[in-house]
Amino acid sequence: MLRGAAYLMDALAAMEFGRDDVLCLTGGLGPHYAEHLPEEVRTRIIAPEGSALDGALALAKAAFERGTGR
């Protein structure tokens, strides 16, 4: 878990994760990394607004609407 959390921190640094950004840890293991992250990152963790299926449907809808000009 510590190595995974370190990898996550490296990825956040590469994406220039800033003070105003939030982090949503999803999936089966995602939430378990929280306790291994620095406090300044843990305070910016938010809960997902839906399931993976909700996200997939939103992406599909957006792609459809871009393709049809709606």
PDB file of N, CA and C in Angstrom:
ATOM      1  N   MET A   1       0.822  -1.180   0.000  1.00  0.00           N
ATOM      2  CA  MET A   1       0.000   0.000   0.000  1.00  0.00           C
ATOM      3  C   MET A   1       0.873   1.254   0.000  1.00  0.00           C
ATOM      4  N   LEU A   2       1.979   1.213   0.725  1.00  0.00           N
ATOM      5  CA  LEU A   2       2.856   2.379   0.761  1.00  0.00           C
ATOM      6  C   LEU A   2       3.459   2.662  -0.608  1.00  0.00           C
ATOM      7  N   ARG A   3       3.854   1.622  -1.304  1.00  0.00           N
ATOM      8  CA  ARG A   3       4.410   1.822  -2.654  1.00  0.00           C
ATOM      9  C   ARG A   3       3.338   2.345  -3.598  1.00  0.00           C
ATOM     10  N   GLY A   4       2.128   1.849  -3.469  1.00  0.00           N
ATOM     11  CA  GLY A   4       1.032   2.331  -4.303  1.00  0.00           C
ATOM     12  C   GLY A   4       0.707   3.781  -4.014  1.00  0.00           C
ATOM     13  N   ALA A   5       0.713   4.154  -2.749  1.00  0.00           N
ATOM     14  CA  ALA A   5       0.451   5.548  -2.373  1.00  0.00           C
ATOM     15  C   ALA A   5       1.558   6.457  -2.889  1.00  0.00           C
ATOM     16  N   ALA A   6       2.798   5.989  -2.841  1.00  0.00           N
ATOM     17  CA  ALA A   6       3.914   6.779  -3.380  1.00  0.00           C
ATOM     18  C   ALA A   6       3.759   6.954  -4.888  1.00  0.00           C
ATOM     19  N   TYR A   7       3.353   5.897  -5.573  1.00  0.00           N
ATOM     20  CA  TYR A   7       3.111   5.979  -7.013  1.00  0.00           C
ATOM     21  C   TYR A   7       1.990   6.979  -7.303  1.00  0.00           C
ATOM     22  N   LEU A   8       0.932   6.934  -6.510  1.00  0.00           N
ATOM     23  CA  LEU A   8      -0.177   7.869  -6.674  1.00  0.00           C
ATOM     24  C   LEU A   8       0.300   9.303  -6.472  1.00  0.00           C
ATOM     25  N   MET A   9       1.116   9.542  -5.466  1.00  0.00           N
ATOM     26  CA  MET A   9       1.650  10.886  -5.232  1.00  0.00           C
ATOM     27  C   MET A   9       2.521  11.344  -6.397  1.00  0.00           C
ATOM     28  N   ASP A  10       3.309  10.439  -6.973  1.00  0.00           N
ATOM     29  CA  ASP A  10       4.114  10.787  -8.149  1.00  0.00           C
ATOM     30  C   ASP A  10       3.213  11.163  -9.321  1.00  0.00           C
ATOM     31  N   ALA A  11       2.128  10.415  -9.497  1.00  0.00           N
ATOM     32  CA  ALA A  11       1.191  10.707 -10.584  1.00  0.00           C
ATOM     33  C   ALA A  11       0.517  12.055 -10.367  1.00  0.00           C
ATOM     34  N   LEU A  12       0.121  12.345  -9.136  1.00  0.00           N
ATOM     35  CA  LEU A  12      -0.493  13.632  -8.831  1.00  0.00           C
ATOM     36  C   LEU A  12       0.487  14.776  -9.096  1.00  0.00           C
ATOM     37  N   ALA A  13       1.744  14.584  -8.739  1.00  0.00           N
ATOM     38  CA  ALA A  13       2.763  15.611  -8.993  1.00  0.00           C
ATOM     39  C   ALA A  13       2.944  15.818 -10.499  1.00  0.00           C
ATOM     40  N   ALA A  14       2.950  14.730 -11.263  1.00  0.00           N
ATOM     41  CA  ALA A  14       3.103  14.834 -12.722  1.00  0.00           C
ATOM     42  C   ALA A  14       1.929  15.574 -13.348  1.00  0.00           C
ATOM     43  N   MET A  15       0.742  15.461 -12.732  1.00  0.00           N
ATOM     44  CA  MET A  15      -0.446  16.152 -13.232  1.00  0.00           C
ATOM     45  C   MET A  15      -0.585  17.547 -12.628  1.00  0.00           C
ATOM     46  N   GLU A  16       0.421  17.952 -11.852  1.00  0.00           N
ATOM     47  CA  GLU A  16       0.425  19.258 -11.197  1.00  0.00           C
ATOM     48  C   GLU A  16      -0.816  19.466 -10.322  1.00  0.00           C
ATOM     49  N   PHE A  17      -1.103  18.449  -9.527  1.00  0.00           N
ATOM     50  CA  PHE A  17      -2.208  18.485  -8.559  1.00  0.00           C
ATOM     51  C   PHE A  17      -1.999  19.676  -7.639  1.00  0.00           C
ATOM     52  N   GLY A  18      -2.944  20.616  -7.661  1.00  0.00           N
ATOM     53  CA  GLY A  18      -2.779  21.850  -6.910  1.00  0.00           C
ATOM     54  C   GLY A  18      -3.621  21.930  -5.657  1.00  0.00           C
ATOM     55  N   ARG A  19      -3.450  23.008  -4.933  1.00  0.00           N
ATOM     56  CA  ARG A  19      -4.141  23.213  -3.659  1.00  0.00           C
ATOM     57  C   ARG A  19      -5.653  23.284  -3.799  1.00  0.00           C
ATOM     58  N   ASP A  20      -6.152  23.691  -4.959  1.00  0.00           N
ATOM     59  CA  ASP A  20      -7.594  23.805  -5.168  1.00  0.00           C
ATOM     60  C   ASP A  20      -8.210  22.558  -5.798  1.00  0.00           C
ATOM     61  N   ASP A  21      -7.380  21.564  -6.116  1.00  0.00           N
ATOM     62  CA  ASP A  21      -7.873  20.338  -6.734  1.00  0.00           C
ATOM     63  C   ASP A  21      -8.396  19.370  -5.676  1.00  0.00           C
ATOM     64  N   VAL A  22      -9.290  18.496  -6.115  1.00  0.00           N
ATOM     65  CA  VAL A  22      -9.806  17.450  -5.241  1.00  0.00           C
ATOM     66  C   VAL A  22      -9.443  16.093  -5.830  1.00  0.00           C
ATOM     67  N   LEU A  23      -9.509  15.080  -5.006  1.00  0.00           N
ATOM     68  CA  LEU A  23      -9.145  13.727  -5.410  1.00  0.00           C
ATOM     69  C   LEU A  23     -10.281  12.784  -5.049  1.00  0.00           C
ATOM     70  N   CYS A  24     -10.663  11.949  -5.986  1.00  0.00           N
ATOM     71  CA  CYS A  24     -11.698  10.950  -5.756  1.00  0.00           C
ATOM     72  C   CYS A  24     -11.066   9.577  -5.958  1.00  0.00           C
ATOM     73  N   LEU A  25     -10.979   8.804  -4.901  1.00  0.00           N
ATOM     74  CA  LEU A  25     -10.374   7.471  -4.952  1.00  0.00           C
ATOM     75  C   LEU A  25     -11.484   6.449  -5.177  1.00  0.00           C
ATOM     76  N   THR A  26     -11.490   5.837  -6.345  1.00  0.00           N
ATOM     77  CA  THR A  26     -12.549   4.895  -6.697  1.00  0.00           C
ATOM     78  C   THR A  26     -11.990   3.491  -6.885  1.00  0.00           C
ATOM     79  N   GLY A  27     -12.882   2.575  -7.137  1.00  0.00           N
ATOM     80  CA  GLY A  27     -12.479   1.194  -7.372  1.00  0.00           C
ATOM     81  C   GLY A  27     -12.372   0.424  -6.074  1.00  0.00           C
ATOM     82  N   GLY A  28     -12.002  -0.815  -6.189  1.00  0.00           N
ATOM     83  CA  GLY A  28     -11.919  -1.675  -5.024  1.00  0.00           C
ATOM     84  C   GLY A  28     -10.811  -1.302  -4.064  1.00  0.00           C
ATOM     85  N   LEU A  29      -9.660  -0.877  -4.591  1.00  0.00           N
ATOM     86  CA  LEU A  29      -8.519  -0.552  -3.736  1.00  0.00           C
ATOM     87  C   LEU A  29      -8.345   0.935  -3.491  1.00  0.00           C
ATOM     88  N   GLY A  30      -8.856   1.763  -4.390  1.00  0.00           N
ATOM     89  CA  GLY A  30      -8.637   3.199  -4.315  1.00  0.00           C
ATOM     90  C   GLY A  30      -8.815   3.802  -2.937  1.00  0.00           C
ATOM     91  N   PRO A  31      -9.973   3.603  -2.300  1.00  0.00           N
ATOM     92  CA  PRO A  31     -10.197   4.221  -0.986  1.00  0.00           C
ATOM     93  C   PRO A  31      -9.216   3.766   0.101  1.00  0.00           C
ATOM     94  N   HIS A  32      -8.628   2.601  -0.062  1.00  0.00           N
ATOM     95  CA  HIS A  32      -7.702   2.076   0.941  1.00  0.00           C
ATOM     96  C   HIS A  32      -6.360   2.804   0.934  1.00  0.00           C
ATOM     97  N   TYR A  33      -6.075   3.548  -0.142  1.00  0.00           N
ATOM     98  CA  TYR A  33      -4.827   4.315  -0.203  1.00  0.00           C
ATOM     99  C   TYR A  33      -4.891   5.575   0.646  1.00  0.00           C
ATOM    100  N   ALA A  34      -6.089   6.061   0.961  1.00  0.00           N
ATOM    101  CA  ALA A  34      -6.244   7.346   1.645  1.00  0.00           C
ATOM    102  C   ALA A  34      -5.399   7.438   2.908  1.00  0.00           C
ATOM    103  N   GLU A  35      -5.427   6.411   3.732  1.00  0.00           N
ATOM    104  CA  GLU A  35      -4.701   6.482   5.005  1.00  0.00           C
ATOM    105  C   GLU A  35      -3.189   6.549   4.820  1.00  0.00           C
ATOM    106  N   HIS A  36      -2.702   6.267   3.617  1.00  0.00           N
ATOM    107  CA  HIS A  36      -1.266   6.281   3.349  1.00  0.00           C
ATOM    108  C   HIS A  36      -0.821   7.537   2.603  1.00  0.00           C
ATOM    109  N   LEU A  37      -1.739   8.459   2.391  1.00  0.00           N
ATOM    110  CA  LEU A  37      -1.423   9.705   1.691  1.00  0.00           C
ATOM    111  C   LEU A  37      -1.158  10.807   2.700  1.00  0.00           C
ATOM    112  N   PRO A  38      -0.403  11.825   2.290  1.00  0.00           N
ATOM    113  CA  PRO A  38      -0.152  12.944   3.207  1.00  0.00           C
ATOM    114  C   PRO A  38      -1.452  13.642   3.606  1.00  0.00           C
ATOM    115  N   GLU A  39      -1.451  14.230   4.774  1.00  0.00           N
ATOM    116  CA  GLU A  39      -2.641  14.901   5.305  1.00  0.00           C
ATOM    117  C   GLU A  39      -3.176  15.960   4.341  1.00  0.00           C
ATOM    118  N   GLU A  40      -2.290  16.722   3.697  1.00  0.00           N
ATOM    119  CA  GLU A  40      -2.753  17.778   2.791  1.00  0.00           C
ATOM    120  C   GLU A  40      -3.492  17.223   1.577  1.00  0.00           C
ATOM    121  N   VAL A  41      -3.268  15.978   1.243  1.00  0.00           N
ATOM    122  CA  VAL A  41      -4.015  15.331   0.155  1.00  0.00           C
ATOM    123  C   VAL A  41      -5.291  14.700   0.724  1.00  0.00           C
ATOM    124  N   ARG A  42      -5.188  14.059   1.869  1.00  0.00           N
ATOM    125  CA  ARG A  42      -6.366  13.412   2.479  1.00  0.00           C
ATOM    126  C   ARG A  42      -7.506  14.389   2.717  1.00  0.00           C
ATOM    127  N   THR A  43      -7.186  15.629   3.052  1.00  0.00           N
ATOM    128  CA  THR A  43      -8.238  16.609   3.331  1.00  0.00           C
ATOM    129  C   THR A  43      -8.988  17.017   2.066  1.00  0.00           C
ATOM    130  N   ARG A  44      -8.450  16.661   0.901  1.00  0.00           N
ATOM    131  CA  ARG A  44      -9.095  17.043  -0.361  1.00  0.00           C
ATOM    132  C   ARG A  44      -9.719  15.847  -1.079  1.00  0.00           C
ATOM    133  N   ILE A  45      -9.875  14.740  -0.385  1.00  0.00           N
ATOM    134  CA  ILE A  45     -10.526  13.565  -0.968  1.00  0.00           C
ATOM    135  C   ILE A  45     -12.038  13.751  -0.884  1.00  0.00           C
ATOM    136  N   ILE A  46     -12.699  13.516  -2.010  1.00  0.00           N
ATOM    137  CA  ILE A  46     -14.156  13.610  -2.059  1.00  0.00           C
ATOM    138  C   ILE A  46     -14.740  12.254  -2.431  1.00  0.00           C
ATOM    139  N   ALA A  47     -15.995  12.054  -2.097  1.00  0.00           N
ATOM    140  CA  ALA A  47     -16.695  10.817  -2.443  1.00  0.00           C
ATOM    141  C   ALA A  47     -17.138  10.887  -3.910  1.00  0.00           C
ATOM    142  N   PRO A  48     -17.212   9.746  -4.582  1.00  0.00           N
ATOM    143  CA  PRO A  48     -17.720   9.756  -5.954  1.00  0.00           C
ATOM    144  C   PRO A  48     -19.185  10.183  -5.983  1.00  0.00           C
ATOM    145  N   GLU A  49     -19.584  10.818  -7.079  1.00  0.00           N
ATOM    146  CA  GLU A  49     -20.971  11.265  -7.210  1.00  0.00           C
ATOM    147  C   GLU A  49     -21.879  10.194  -7.802  1.00  0.00           C
ATOM    148  N   GLY A  50     -21.314   9.068  -8.154  1.00  0.00           N
ATOM    149  CA  GLY A  50     -22.091   7.984  -8.718  1.00  0.00           C
ATOM    150  C   GLY A  50     -21.206   6.760  -8.877  1.00  0.00           C
ATOM    151  N   SER A  51     -21.738   5.778  -9.558  1.00  0.00           N
ATOM    152  CA  SER A  51     -21.003   4.528  -9.785  1.00  0.00           C
ATOM    153  C   SER A  51     -20.186   4.619 -11.071  1.00  0.00           C
ATOM    154  N   ALA A  52     -19.391   3.613 -11.325  1.00  0.00           N
ATOM    155  CA  ALA A  52     -18.642   3.543 -12.574  1.00  0.00           C
ATOM    156  C   ALA A  52     -19.601   3.511 -13.760  1.00  0.00           C
ATOM    157  N   LEU A  53     -20.717   2.837 -13.599  1.00  0.00           N
ATOM    158  CA  LEU A  53     -21.716   2.792 -14.666  1.00  0.00           C
ATOM    159  C   LEU A  53     -22.291   4.178 -14.935  1.00  0.00           C
ATOM    160  N   ASP A  54     -22.555   4.951 -13.885  1.00  0.00           N
ATOM    161  CA  ASP A  54     -23.031   6.322 -14.060  1.00  0.00           C
ATOM    162  C   ASP A  54     -22.036   7.135 -14.884  1.00  0.00           C
ATOM    163  N   GLY A  55     -20.767   6.991 -14.582  1.00  0.00           N
ATOM    164  CA  GLY A  55     -19.729   7.713 -15.322  1.00  0.00           C
ATOM    165  C   GLY A  55     -19.650   7.277 -16.765  1.00  0.00           C
ATOM    166  N   ALA A  56     -19.728   5.975 -16.999  1.00  0.00           N
ATOM    167  CA  ALA A  56     -19.683   5.463 -18.369  1.00  0.00           C
ATOM    168  C   ALA A  56     -20.863   5.972 -19.177  1.00  0.00           C
ATOM    169  N   LEU A  57     -22.037   5.991 -18.571  1.00  0.00           N
ATOM    170  CA  LEU A  57     -23.220   6.496 -19.275  1.00  0.00           C
ATOM    171  C   LEU A  57     -23.095   7.990 -19.571  1.00  0.00           C
ATOM    172  N   ALA A  58     -22.557   8.756 -18.639  1.00  0.00           N
ATOM    173  CA  ALA A  58     -22.371  10.192 -18.861  1.00  0.00           C
ATOM    174  C   ALA A  58     -21.385  10.438 -20.003  1.00  0.00           C
ATOM    175  N   LEU A  59     -20.299   9.665 -20.053  1.00  0.00           N
ATOM    176  CA  LEU A  59     -19.334   9.800 -21.146  1.00  0.00           C
ATOM    177  C   LEU A  59     -19.947   9.417 -22.482  1.00  0.00           C
ATOM    178  N   ALA A  60     -20.731   8.340 -22.497  1.00  0.00           N
ATOM    179  CA  ALA A  60     -21.380   7.902 -23.740  1.00  0.00           C
ATOM    180  C   ALA A  60     -22.380   8.946 -24.211  1.00  0.00           C
ATOM    181  N   LYS A  61     -23.142   9.510 -23.290  1.00  0.00           N
ATOM    182  CA  LYS A  61     -24.117  10.544 -23.643  1.00  0.00           C
ATOM    183  C   LYS A  61     -23.411  11.773 -24.212  1.00  0.00           C
ATOM    184  N   ALA A  62     -22.341  12.202 -23.568  1.00  0.00           N
ATOM    185  CA  ALA A  62     -21.593  13.372 -24.055  1.00  0.00           C
ATOM    186  C   ALA A  62     -21.018  13.119 -25.442  1.00  0.00           C
ATOM    187  N   ALA A  63     -20.479  11.924 -25.669  1.00  0.00           N
ATOM    188  CA  ALA A  63     -19.937  11.591 -26.987  1.00  0.00           C
ATOM    189  C   ALA A  63     -21.020  11.571 -28.038  1.00  0.00           C
ATOM    190  N   PHE A  64     -22.175  11.022 -27.697  1.00  0.00           N
ATOM    191  CA  PHE A  64     -23.312  10.992 -28.630  1.00  0.00           C
ATOM    192  C   PHE A  64     -23.744  12.407 -28.972  1.00  0.00           C
ATOM    193  N   GLU A  65     -23.859  13.254 -27.956  1.00  0.00           N
ATOM    194  CA  GLU A  65     -24.322  14.618 -28.188  1.00  0.00           C
ATOM    195  C   GLU A  65     -23.306  15.426 -29.004  1.00  0.00           C
ATOM    196  N   ARG A  66     -22.019  15.185 -28.819  1.00  0.00           N
ATOM    197  CA  ARG A  66     -21.014  15.846 -29.655  1.00  0.00           C
ATOM    198  C   ARG A  66     -21.125  15.382 -31.090  1.00  0.00           C
ATOM    199  N   GLY A  67     -21.396  14.101 -31.287  1.00  0.00           N
ATOM    200  CA  GLY A  67     -21.477  13.538 -32.634  1.00  0.00           C
ATOM    201  C   GLY A  67     -22.733  13.929 -33.390  1.00  0.00           C
ATOM    202  N   THR A  68     -23.783  14.255 -32.672  1.00  0.00           N
ATOM    203  CA  THR A  68     -25.061  14.601 -33.337  1.00  0.00           C
ATOM    204  C   THR A  68     -25.323  16.086 -33.352  1.00  0.00           C
ATOM    205  N   GLY A  69     -24.470  16.863 -32.676  1.00  0.00           N
ATOM    206  CA  GLY A  69     -24.660  18.309 -32.628  1.00  0.00           C
ATOM    207  C   GLY A  69     -25.768  18.748 -31.699  1.00  0.00           C
ATOM    208  N   ARG A  70     -26.208  17.880 -30.812  1.00  0.00           N
ATOM    209  CA  ARG A  70     -27.281  18.239 -29.864  1.00  0.00           C
ATOM    210  C   ARG A  70     -26.766  19.116 -28.771  1.00  0.00           C
TER     211      ARG A  70
END
